[in-house]
Amino acid sequence: MGKGPEAVVIDPDRRRVFVACSRGNAVTALDLDRAAPVWRAAVGREPIPIVLDEPTGRLFTADARSDTVSVLDADSGDRIARIPVGAYPAGLGHDPGRRRLFVGNTGGGTITVVDTDRLTVRGTVPAELGAGSIAVAPDSGRGYCANFLAGSVTVFDTDTLEPLGRIAVREGPCKVVTNPAAGHLYVANSLHGTISRVSLRSGAVLDEVPVERAPVGMCVDAAGRRLYVCNRGAGTVSVLDARSGRESHRIMVGNAPGDCALDPVAGTLVVSNAGSGTLSFVDRPWLPGGRAPSAEHPLVGRPLPGFELPDLRGGRIRTSREWSEKKYVINFFASW
């Protein structure tokens, strides 16, 4: 898929899956049935979330390091517009009925509201530090914005754009998903390794469900029965009963899974693996024992190739030969 595939969105009618590649500054469209690329389009810097507006056939990405939202034609990948928003937009929410797109500005602690037809900014909603992922409950006219640094969820009115309240959750909430069928809002607490289940009616936190390390992406099936959670730090997807919160099984996928989406036609779960630069297609993900097919890297099992790098103390060159015949750990940590 290229560098850093993050959010995925599926268009069952066009039989396509669209992927925001954050490190490649691009969106890639694939044929769902053949898993073959259709087009690739450049957007702004570090696109993280992606939304499909079916009535207009437009794709929206929040380009975090460009402070913009890019708008693409879903059929061709042609750029339609680029809309300036707040600082470091890292989350998107969509209300197709009200024709609105909500942008979580992490750097500014605000939500920018965009008209999906006119492609203009309609207003701004105050949130809290680290505003990002946004979920909308269309029937109630409420929106929910995860505030990563504040450890909270901002509740707001999607019509009047007025803040309605604040829900305290655990550390590092980075994804919110609504499930009207179960009456729940799910919050992925990435730093705590849990999922908070919140009542959509009262706003009360019902319980916390432990999953594996760093849950960052989620999706709910069409019937509202199962919640799929991408555990970035474990390379797995946890499958939870959406009503009871009980985990039935886990699915091994690629490295650092960032998000997932379900194909309602084939029943396949599509998972973006940011660390592997791949997509995993999981058949019948609701069945225990599921595993996404993967190809072993050709260097697995072979001697470590020699290399040298400067250390952090004066730039002294260190080589792999210094630790020959010893056990050691090499940690290449992300720059952020």
Protein backbone atom coordinates (compact mmCIF):
# COMPACT_ATOMS: atom_id res chain seq x y z
CA MET A 1 0.00 0.00 0.00
CA GLY A 2 2.92 2.38 0.45
CA LYS A 3 3.96 4.22 3.58
CA GLY A 4 1.71 4.37 6.63
CA PRO A 5 -1.76 3.21 5.53
CA GLU A 6 -4.11 4.47 8.24
CA ALA A 7 -7.86 4.99 7.78
CA VAL A 8 -9.87 2.84 5.37
CA VAL A 9 -13.37 3.37 3.97
CA ILE A 10 -15.35 0.97 1.79
CA ASP A 11 -17.70 1.80 -1.07
CA PRO A 12 -19.77 -1.39 -1.59
CA ASP A 13 -21.50 -0.04 -4.71
CA ARG A 14 -18.30 0.84 -6.54
CA ARG A 15 -16.62 -2.26 -5.03
CA ARG A 16 -13.70 -0.20 -3.89
CA VAL A 17 -11.74 0.42 -0.71
CA PHE A 18 -10.06 3.77 -0.20
CA VAL A 19 -6.96 4.07 2.01
CA ALA A 20 -5.32 7.18 3.46
CA CYS A 21 -1.55 6.62 3.39
CA SER A 22 -0.24 9.03 6.02
CA ARG A 23 3.49 8.70 5.28
CA GLY A 24 2.97 8.68 1.52
CA ASN A 25 0.77 11.81 1.49
CA ALA A 26 -1.67 10.03 -0.78
CA VAL A 27 -4.96 8.15 -1.09
CA THR A 28 -5.05 4.79 -2.84
CA ALA A 29 -8.18 3.19 -4.31
CA LEU A 30 -8.33 -0.60 -4.68
CA ASP A 31 -10.76 -2.92 -6.38
CA LEU A 32 -12.35 -4.84 -3.48
CA ASP A 33 -12.90 -8.06 -5.39
CA ARG A 34 -9.47 -8.26 -6.99
CA ALA A 35 -7.46 -6.41 -4.29
CA ALA A 36 -5.86 -4.52 -7.17
CA PRO A 37 -4.96 -0.80 -7.29
CA VAL A 38 -7.30 1.43 -9.32
CA TRP A 39 -5.74 4.85 -8.76
CA ARG A 40 -3.47 6.75 -6.41
CA ALA A 41 -3.87 10.47 -5.72
CA ALA A 42 -1.65 12.97 -3.91
CA VAL A 43 -3.24 14.95 -1.07
CA GLY A 44 -1.81 17.14 1.71
CA ARG A 45 0.84 16.11 4.20
CA GLU A 46 0.03 13.23 6.55
CA PRO A 47 -3.56 12.29 5.72
CA ILE A 48 -4.84 10.24 8.67
CA PRO A 49 -8.66 9.87 8.47
CA ILE A 50 -10.77 9.45 5.33
CA VAL A 51 -14.53 9.81 4.74
CA LEU A 52 -16.71 8.93 1.74
CA ASP A 53 -19.75 11.11 1.00
CA GLU A 54 -21.89 8.78 -1.10
CA PRO A 55 -24.41 11.37 -2.40
CA THR A 56 -21.66 13.41 -4.09
CA GLY A 57 -19.14 10.60 -4.69
CA ARG A 58 -16.48 12.63 -2.92
CA LEU A 59 -13.66 11.57 -0.60
CA PHE A 60 -12.45 13.78 2.23
CA THR A 61 -9.08 13.43 4.00
CA ALA A 62 -7.80 15.47 6.94
CA ASP A 63 -4.19 16.31 6.12
CA ALA A 64 -2.69 16.78 9.57
CA ARG A 65 0.56 18.51 8.67
CA SER A 66 -1.00 20.74 6.02
CA ASP A 67 -3.90 21.99 8.18
CA THR A 68 -6.27 21.22 5.30
CA VAL A 69 -9.01 18.89 4.16
CA SER A 70 -8.49 17.46 0.66
CA VAL A 71 -11.52 16.61 -1.49
CA LEU A 72 -11.18 13.96 -4.22
CA ASP A 73 -13.47 12.44 -6.83
CA ALA A 74 -14.02 8.83 -5.73
CA ASP A 75 -14.24 7.55 -9.32
CA SER A 76 -11.10 9.12 -10.72
CA GLY A 77 -9.06 10.38 -7.78
CA ASP A 78 -9.02 13.90 -9.26
CA ARG A 79 -8.66 16.68 -6.72
CA ILE A 80 -11.78 18.82 -6.39
CA ALA A 81 -10.77 21.19 -3.58
CA ARG A 82 -8.52 21.78 -0.62
CA ILE A 83 -10.15 23.44 2.40
CA PRO A 84 -8.15 25.22 5.14
CA VAL A 85 -9.16 24.11 8.66
CA GLY A 86 -7.58 24.25 12.13
CA ALA A 87 -4.18 23.19 13.44
CA TYR A 88 -3.18 19.55 12.89
CA PRO A 89 -6.53 18.06 11.82
CA ALA A 90 -6.37 14.38 12.77
CA GLY A 91 -10.02 13.30 12.90
CA LEU A 92 -13.15 13.40 10.76
CA GLY A 93 -16.84 12.84 11.47
CA HIS A 94 -19.60 12.67 8.87
CA ASP A 95 -23.31 13.50 8.99
CA PRO A 96 -24.61 12.76 5.47
CA GLY A 97 -28.18 13.75 6.33
CA ARG A 98 -27.22 17.21 7.54
CA ARG A 99 -24.60 17.49 4.77
CA ARG A 100 -21.84 18.24 7.20
CA LEU A 101 -18.28 17.12 7.81
CA PHE A 102 -16.70 17.63 11.24
CA VAL A 103 -12.93 18.04 11.51
CA GLY A 104 -11.10 17.46 14.81
CA ASN A 105 -8.20 19.93 15.06
CA THR A 106 -5.75 18.31 17.48
CA GLY A 107 -3.43 21.30 17.71
CA GLY A 108 -6.21 23.80 18.31
CA GLY A 109 -8.65 21.84 20.45
CA THR A 110 -11.50 22.75 18.11
CA ILE A 111 -13.87 21.20 15.57
CA THR A 112 -14.23 22.77 12.12
CA VAL A 113 -17.60 22.25 10.42
CA VAL A 114 -17.57 21.89 6.60
CA ASP A 115 -20.54 21.92 4.21
CA THR A 116 -20.09 18.77 2.09
CA ASP A 117 -22.01 20.24 -0.86
CA ARG A 118 -20.62 23.78 -1.01
CA LEU A 119 -17.20 22.78 0.37
CA THR A 120 -17.16 25.81 2.66
CA VAL A 121 -16.56 26.20 6.39
CA ARG A 122 -19.83 26.61 8.32
CA GLY A 123 -18.44 27.24 11.79
CA THR A 124 -16.27 26.07 14.67
CA VAL A 125 -17.12 24.08 17.81
CA PRO A 126 -14.90 24.38 20.91
CA ALA A 127 -13.52 21.06 22.14
CA GLU A 128 -10.50 20.24 24.33
CA LEU A 129 -6.79 19.56 23.95
CA GLY A 130 -6.01 16.91 21.36
CA ALA A 131 -9.39 16.99 19.57
CA GLY A 132 -9.36 14.24 16.96
CA SER A 133 -11.67 11.35 16.05
CA ILE A 134 -15.36 12.28 15.72
CA ALA A 135 -18.47 10.08 15.65
CA VAL A 136 -22.01 11.21 14.84
CA ALA A 137 -25.34 9.79 16.04
CA PRO A 138 -27.62 11.16 13.28
CA ASP A 139 -30.94 10.29 14.94
CA SER A 140 -30.14 12.27 18.08
CA GLY A 141 -28.29 15.07 16.32
CA ARG A 142 -25.27 14.65 18.55
CA GLY A 143 -21.59 14.50 17.75
CA TYR A 144 -18.78 13.07 19.88
CA CYS A 145 -15.16 14.23 19.65
CA ALA A 146 -12.30 12.34 21.34
CA ASN A 147 -9.82 14.69 23.03
CA PHE A 148 -6.57 12.74 23.19
CA LEU A 149 -4.63 15.02 25.55
CA ALA A 150 -7.56 15.91 27.79
CA GLY A 151 -8.75 12.32 28.33
CA SER A 152 -12.30 13.26 27.44
CA VAL A 153 -15.05 13.24 24.82
CA THR A 154 -16.77 16.50 23.84
CA VAL A 155 -20.50 16.14 23.10
CA PHE A 156 -21.97 18.73 20.71
CA ASP A 157 -25.18 19.49 18.80
CA THR A 158 -24.70 18.82 15.08
CA ASP A 159 -27.44 21.34 14.16
CA THR A 160 -26.69 24.32 16.39
CA LEU A 161 -22.96 23.46 16.80
CA GLU A 162 -23.26 24.14 20.53
CA PRO A 163 -21.22 22.09 23.04
CA LEU A 164 -23.53 19.92 25.18
CA GLY A 165 -21.16 18.42 27.69
CA ARG A 166 -18.01 16.48 28.48
CA ILE A 167 -17.49 12.77 29.16
CA ALA A 168 -14.37 11.84 31.13
CA VAL A 169 -12.64 8.69 29.86
CA ARG A 170 -9.21 7.09 30.22
CA GLU A 171 -5.84 8.32 28.93
CA GLY A 172 -5.32 8.83 25.22
CA PRO A 173 -8.76 8.40 23.60
CA CYS A 174 -8.02 8.30 19.89
CA LYS A 175 -11.12 6.78 18.26
CA VAL A 176 -14.87 7.02 18.86
CA VAL A 177 -17.58 4.94 17.17
CA THR A 178 -21.35 4.96 17.70
CA ASN A 179 -23.60 1.90 17.71
CA PRO A 180 -27.25 3.07 17.70
CA ALA A 181 -28.52 -0.54 17.65
CA ALA A 182 -26.93 -1.21 21.04
CA GLY A 183 -27.29 2.37 22.29
CA HIS A 184 -23.55 2.63 22.88
CA LEU A 185 -20.64 4.91 22.13
CA TYR A 186 -17.25 3.16 22.10
CA VAL A 187 -14.05 4.99 22.99
CA ALA A 188 -10.62 3.46 22.30
CA ASN A 189 -8.29 4.47 25.15
CA SER A 190 -4.99 3.85 23.40
CA LEU A 191 -2.67 4.60 26.33
CA HIS A 192 -4.68 2.50 28.77
CA GLY A 193 -5.40 -0.48 26.48
CA THR A 194 -9.16 -0.43 27.05
CA ILE A 195 -12.46 0.33 25.34
CA SER A 196 -14.93 2.51 27.25
CA ARG A 197 -18.59 1.74 26.60
CA VAL A 198 -20.75 4.84 27.02
CA SER A 199 -24.55 5.11 27.01
CA LEU A 200 -25.72 7.23 24.08
CA ARG A 201 -28.86 8.10 26.04
CA SER A 202 -27.33 9.28 29.31
CA GLY A 203 -23.68 9.85 28.47
CA ALA A 204 -22.62 7.69 31.42
CA VAL A 205 -19.59 5.39 31.13
CA LEU A 206 -21.01 1.87 31.54
CA ASP A 207 -17.77 -0.07 31.81
CA GLU A 208 -14.27 -0.58 30.42
CA VAL A 209 -13.24 -3.58 28.39
CA PRO A 210 -9.55 -4.56 28.33
CA VAL A 211 -8.06 -5.35 24.94
CA GLU A 212 -4.43 -5.57 23.81
CA ARG A 213 -1.83 -2.82 23.53
CA ALA A 214 -2.68 0.57 22.02
CA PRO A 215 -6.18 0.20 20.53
CA VAL A 216 -6.50 2.92 17.88
CA GLY A 217 -9.09 1.88 15.27
CA MET A 218 -12.58 0.39 15.47
CA CYS A 219 -15.64 -0.47 13.41
CA VAL A 220 -19.07 -1.96 14.16
CA ASP A 221 -20.87 -4.44 11.90
CA ALA A 222 -24.11 -3.39 10.20
CA ALA A 223 -26.29 -5.28 12.69
CA GLY A 224 -24.57 -3.68 15.66
CA ARG A 225 -23.59 -7.06 17.10
CA ARG A 226 -19.79 -7.02 16.95
CA LEU A 227 -17.10 -4.44 17.55
CA TYR A 228 -13.73 -4.90 15.85
CA VAL A 229 -10.77 -3.20 17.58
CA CYS A 230 -7.35 -2.65 15.99
CA ASN A 231 -4.61 -3.11 18.61
CA ARG A 232 -1.72 -1.17 17.15
CA GLY A 233 0.87 -2.36 19.66
CA ALA A 234 0.01 -6.05 19.32
CA GLY A 235 -0.66 -6.57 15.60
CA THR A 236 -4.11 -7.95 16.34
CA VAL A 237 -7.81 -7.21 16.00
CA SER A 238 -9.99 -7.93 19.04
CA VAL A 239 -13.53 -9.10 18.29
CA LEU A 240 -16.02 -8.02 20.98
CA ASP A 241 -19.70 -8.68 21.53
CA ALA A 242 -21.04 -5.15 21.07
CA ARG A 243 -23.71 -5.47 23.76
CA SER A 244 -21.92 -7.38 26.52
CA GLY A 245 -18.37 -6.24 25.79
CA ARG A 246 -17.07 -9.81 25.99
CA GLU A 247 -14.09 -10.54 23.76
CA SER A 248 -14.65 -13.71 21.73
CA HIS A 249 -11.30 -13.94 19.94
CA ARG A 250 -8.38 -12.09 18.37
CA ILE A 251 -7.17 -12.04 14.80
CA MET A 252 -3.50 -11.77 13.87
CA VAL A 253 -2.93 -9.17 11.13
CA GLY A 254 0.06 -7.06 10.05
CA ASN A 255 2.26 -4.69 12.01
CA ALA A 256 0.67 -1.70 13.78
CA PRO A 257 -2.92 -2.00 12.52
CA GLY A 258 -4.45 1.48 12.40
CA ASP A 259 -8.04 1.10 11.28
CA CYS A 260 -10.57 -1.33 9.84
CA ALA A 261 -13.79 -1.45 7.82
CA LEU A 262 -16.28 -4.17 6.86
CA ASP A 263 -17.35 -5.00 3.33
CA PRO A 264 -21.13 -5.51 3.70
CA VAL A 265 -21.31 -7.53 0.49
CA ALA A 266 -18.54 -10.10 1.03
CA GLY A 267 -18.46 -9.90 4.83
CA THR A 268 -14.70 -9.32 4.72
CA LEU A 269 -12.88 -7.23 7.32
CA VAL A 270 -10.26 -4.93 5.75
CA VAL A 271 -7.46 -3.83 8.09
CA SER A 272 -4.80 -1.21 7.37
CA ASN A 273 -1.38 -2.14 8.73
CA ALA A 274 0.54 1.11 9.15
CA GLY A 275 3.73 -0.64 10.23
CA SER A 276 3.72 -3.17 7.38
CA GLY A 277 2.51 -0.85 4.61
CA THR A 278 -0.17 -3.43 3.75
CA LEU A 279 -3.86 -4.24 3.93
CA SER A 280 -5.15 -7.46 5.48
CA PHE A 281 -8.36 -9.00 4.13
CA VAL A 282 -9.93 -11.26 6.77
CA ASP A 283 -12.61 -13.71 5.64
CA ARG A 284 -15.45 -14.40 8.12
CA PRO A 285 -13.84 -12.34 10.91
CA TRP A 286 -16.62 -13.23 13.36
CA LEU A 287 -15.37 -16.83 13.58
CA PRO A 288 -12.69 -17.69 16.17
CA GLY A 289 -9.39 -18.83 14.75
CA GLY A 290 -9.41 -16.33 11.91
CA ARG A 291 -6.05 -15.15 10.68
CA ALA A 292 -5.16 -12.86 7.83
CA PRO A 293 -2.82 -14.49 5.28
CA SER A 294 0.70 -13.05 5.38
CA ALA A 295 3.94 -13.61 3.51
CA GLU A 296 7.11 -14.14 5.54
CA HIS A 297 9.87 -11.64 4.87
CA PRO A 298 12.82 -13.20 2.99
CA LEU A 299 15.29 -12.11 5.72
CA VAL A 300 13.50 -13.99 8.52
CA GLY A 301 15.84 -16.72 9.82
CA ARG A 302 18.93 -15.33 8.08
CA PRO A 303 21.96 -13.65 9.76
CA LEU A 304 21.54 -9.96 10.49
CA PRO A 305 22.98 -7.81 7.66
CA GLY A 306 25.88 -5.63 8.79
CA PHE A 307 25.25 -1.92 9.34
CA GLU A 308 26.66 1.11 11.11
CA LEU A 309 25.01 4.20 12.65
CA PRO A 310 26.15 7.20 14.72
CA ASP A 311 25.21 7.04 18.41
CA LEU A 312 23.65 9.88 20.43
CA ARG A 313 26.85 10.68 22.33
CA GLY A 314 29.02 12.73 20.03
CA GLY A 315 28.05 10.87 16.89
CA ARG A 316 30.48 7.98 17.39
CA ILE A 317 30.02 5.36 14.68
CA ARG A 318 28.80 2.05 16.10
CA THR A 319 28.64 -1.13 14.04
CA SER A 320 26.80 -4.41 14.35
CA ARG A 321 30.18 -6.17 14.62
CA GLU A 322 30.59 -4.82 18.18
CA TRP A 323 27.85 -7.15 19.42
CA SER A 324 28.74 -10.20 17.35
CA GLU A 325 27.72 -13.47 19.04
CA LYS A 326 25.77 -11.56 21.72
CA LYS A 327 22.06 -11.13 22.33
CA TYR A 328 20.85 -7.56 21.90
CA VAL A 329 17.79 -5.50 21.05
CA ILE A 330 17.66 -2.80 18.36
CA ASN A 331 14.84 -0.30 18.79
CA PHE A 332 14.18 1.98 15.81
CA PHE A 333 11.67 4.34 17.42
CA ALA A 334 9.27 6.55 15.45
CA SER A 335 10.40 10.16 15.19
CA TRP A 336 7.17 11.45 16.75
